[in-house]
């Protein structure tokens, strides 16, 4: 997948993984850059049982601590430190 972007847009994509290529000399495009993005890794629709088990375990772990546990007198744990957001942190399955 290729995109033609202006140099102002490329500054915003500096942290992303992208392959920068100049357009060929016969193109008449000023101040643009051809960027190829790597293919995104998507989850297949037909998952194996092992993958489905790992996803189910991750879904069970990804919940806040119960309120009654927070109200206990001797506990210092106020929140689940291993909480995971679906878009920010991936499971790499």
C-alpha atoms as a PDB file:
ATOM      1  CA  UNK A   1       0.000   0.000   0.000  1.00  0.00           C
ATOM      2  CA  UNK A   2       1.530   3.290  -1.100  1.00  0.00           C
ATOM      3  CA  UNK A   3       0.566   6.817  -0.108  1.00  0.00           C
ATOM      4  CA  UNK A   4       1.664  10.123  -1.556  1.00  0.00           C
ATOM      5  CA  UNK A   5       2.076  12.595   1.274  1.00  0.00           C
ATOM      6  CA  UNK A   6       3.148  16.174   1.627  1.00  0.00           C
ATOM      7  CA  UNK A   7       6.277  16.842   3.732  1.00  0.00           C
ATOM      8  CA  UNK A   8       4.128  18.365   6.476  1.00  0.00           C
ATOM      9  CA  UNK A   9       2.310  15.040   6.879  1.00  0.00           C
ATOM     10  CA  UNK A  10       5.571  13.106   6.956  1.00  0.00           C
ATOM     11  CA  UNK A  11       6.701  15.018  10.041  1.00  0.00           C
ATOM     12  CA  UNK A  12       3.705  13.587  11.900  1.00  0.00           C
ATOM     13  CA  UNK A  13       4.556  10.040  10.757  1.00  0.00           C
ATOM     14  CA  UNK A  14       8.142  10.255  12.008  1.00  0.00           C
ATOM     15  CA  UNK A  15       7.602   7.772  14.864  1.00  0.00           C
ATOM     16  CA  UNK A  16       5.671   5.241  12.756  1.00  0.00           C
ATOM     17  CA  UNK A  17       7.359   2.413  10.908  1.00  0.00           C
ATOM     18  CA  UNK A  18       7.335   3.306   7.237  1.00  0.00           C
ATOM     19  CA  UNK A  19       9.580   2.868   4.244  1.00  0.00           C
ATOM     20  CA  UNK A  20      10.399   6.204   2.630  1.00  0.00           C
ATOM     21  CA  UNK A  21      10.881   6.266  -1.141  1.00  0.00           C
ATOM     22  CA  UNK A  22      11.282   9.145  -3.542  1.00  0.00           C
ATOM     23  CA  UNK A  23       9.025   9.173  -6.585  1.00  0.00           C
ATOM     24  CA  UNK A  24      10.691   8.320  -9.881  1.00  0.00           C
ATOM     25  CA  UNK A  25      12.178  11.142 -11.904  1.00  0.00           C
ATOM     26  CA  UNK A  26       9.468  11.084 -14.592  1.00  0.00           C
ATOM     27  CA  UNK A  27       6.788  12.090 -12.041  1.00  0.00           C
ATOM     28  CA  UNK A  28       5.901  15.761 -11.840  1.00  0.00           C
ATOM     29  CA  UNK A  29       5.117  15.943  -8.145  1.00  0.00           C
ATOM     30  CA  UNK A  30       6.600  18.688  -6.013  1.00  0.00           C
ATOM     31  CA  UNK A  31       7.304  18.305  -2.279  1.00  0.00           C
ATOM     32  CA  UNK A  32       5.754  14.848  -1.955  1.00  0.00           C
ATOM     33  CA  UNK A  33       7.116  11.582  -0.662  1.00  0.00           C
ATOM     34  CA  UNK A  34       6.003   8.053  -1.497  1.00  0.00           C
ATOM     35  CA  UNK A  35       5.523   6.011   1.681  1.00  0.00           C
ATOM     36  CA  UNK A  36       4.947   2.264   1.827  1.00  0.00           C
ATOM     37  CA  UNK A  37       3.329   1.034   5.035  1.00  0.00           C
ATOM     38  CA  UNK A  38       4.030  -2.520   6.226  1.00  0.00           C
ATOM     39  CA  UNK A  39       1.029  -4.863   6.126  1.00  0.00           C
ATOM     40  CA  UNK A  40      -0.945  -4.893   9.357  1.00  0.00           C
ATOM     41  CA  UNK A  41      -1.050  -8.124  11.321  1.00  0.00           C
ATOM     42  CA  UNK A  42      -4.680  -9.049  11.704  1.00  0.00           C
ATOM     43  CA  UNK A  43      -6.315 -11.864  13.604  1.00  0.00           C
ATOM     44  CA  UNK A  44      -7.680 -14.611  11.320  1.00  0.00           C
ATOM     45  CA  UNK A  45     -11.388 -15.290  11.492  1.00  0.00           C
ATOM     46  CA  UNK A  46     -10.816 -19.021  12.077  1.00  0.00           C
ATOM     47  CA  UNK A  47      -8.739 -19.204  15.247  1.00  0.00           C
ATOM     48  CA  UNK A  48      -7.126 -22.302  16.687  1.00  0.00           C
ATOM     49  CA  UNK A  49      -8.305 -23.531  20.068  1.00  0.00           C
ATOM     50  CA  UNK A  50      -5.004 -22.589  21.699  1.00  0.00           C
ATOM     51  CA  UNK A  51      -5.271 -19.009  20.386  1.00  0.00           C
ATOM     52  CA  UNK A  52      -8.856 -18.792  21.574  1.00  0.00           C
ATOM     53  CA  UNK A  53      -7.832 -20.006  25.045  1.00  0.00           C
ATOM     54  CA  UNK A  54      -5.113 -17.354  25.267  1.00  0.00           C
ATOM     55  CA  UNK A  55      -7.547 -14.637  24.203  1.00  0.00           C
ATOM     56  CA  UNK A  56     -10.090 -15.804  26.796  1.00  0.00           C
ATOM     57  CA  UNK A  57      -7.478 -15.796  29.571  1.00  0.00           C
ATOM     58  CA  UNK A  58      -6.341 -12.300  28.583  1.00  0.00           C
ATOM     59  CA  UNK A  59      -9.965 -11.117  28.623  1.00  0.00           C
ATOM     60  CA  UNK A  60     -10.463 -12.557  32.133  1.00  0.00           C
ATOM     61  CA  UNK A  61      -7.291 -10.906  33.449  1.00  0.00           C
ATOM     62  CA  UNK A  62      -8.190  -7.549  31.960  1.00  0.00           C
ATOM     63  CA  UNK A  63     -10.646  -6.343  34.576  1.00  0.00           C
ATOM     64  CA  UNK A  64     -10.532  -3.950  37.517  1.00  0.00           C
ATOM     65  CA  UNK A  65     -10.108  -5.264  41.048  1.00  0.00           C
ATOM     66  CA  UNK A  66     -13.367  -5.800  42.967  1.00  0.00           C
ATOM     67  CA  UNK A  67     -14.645  -2.944  45.124  1.00  0.00           C
ATOM     68  CA  UNK A  68     -14.830  -5.126  48.244  1.00  0.00           C
ATOM     69  CA  UNK A  69     -11.104  -5.866  47.865  1.00  0.00           C
ATOM     70  CA  UNK A  70     -10.354  -2.149  47.640  1.00  0.00           C
ATOM     71  CA  UNK A  71     -12.332  -1.491  50.831  1.00  0.00           C
ATOM     72  CA  UNK A  72     -10.411  -4.058  52.878  1.00  0.00           C
ATOM     73  CA  UNK A  73      -8.470  -2.447  55.727  1.00  0.00           C
ATOM     74  CA  UNK A  74      -4.974  -3.869  55.208  1.00  0.00           C
ATOM     75  CA  UNK A  75      -4.678  -3.691  51.430  1.00  0.00           C
ATOM     76  CA  UNK A  76      -2.547  -1.143  49.608  1.00  0.00           C
ATOM     77  CA  UNK A  77      -3.651  -2.239  46.137  1.00  0.00           C
ATOM     78  CA  UNK A  78      -5.978   0.367  44.660  1.00  0.00           C
ATOM     79  CA  UNK A  79      -6.081  -0.633  40.979  1.00  0.00           C
ATOM     80  CA  UNK A  80      -5.049  -3.381  38.557  1.00  0.00           C
ATOM     81  CA  UNK A  81      -1.543  -2.434  37.419  1.00  0.00           C
ATOM     82  CA  UNK A  82      -1.610  -4.988  34.577  1.00  0.00           C
ATOM     83  CA  UNK A  83      -4.715  -3.538  32.952  1.00  0.00           C
ATOM     84  CA  UNK A  84      -4.417  -3.561  29.141  1.00  0.00           C
ATOM     85  CA  UNK A  85      -6.104  -1.368  26.556  1.00  0.00           C
ATOM     86  CA  UNK A  86      -7.073  -3.192  23.352  1.00  0.00           C
ATOM     87  CA  UNK A  87      -5.617  -0.559  21.049  1.00  0.00           C
ATOM     88  CA  UNK A  88      -2.480   0.588  22.904  1.00  0.00           C
ATOM     89  CA  UNK A  89      -1.012  -2.728  24.060  1.00  0.00           C
ATOM     90  CA  UNK A  90      -1.212  -5.844  21.894  1.00  0.00           C
ATOM     91  CA  UNK A  91      -0.963  -9.449  23.057  1.00  0.00           C
ATOM     92  CA  UNK A  92       1.371 -10.604  20.217  1.00  0.00           C
ATOM     93  CA  UNK A  93      -0.574 -13.824  19.685  1.00  0.00           C
END
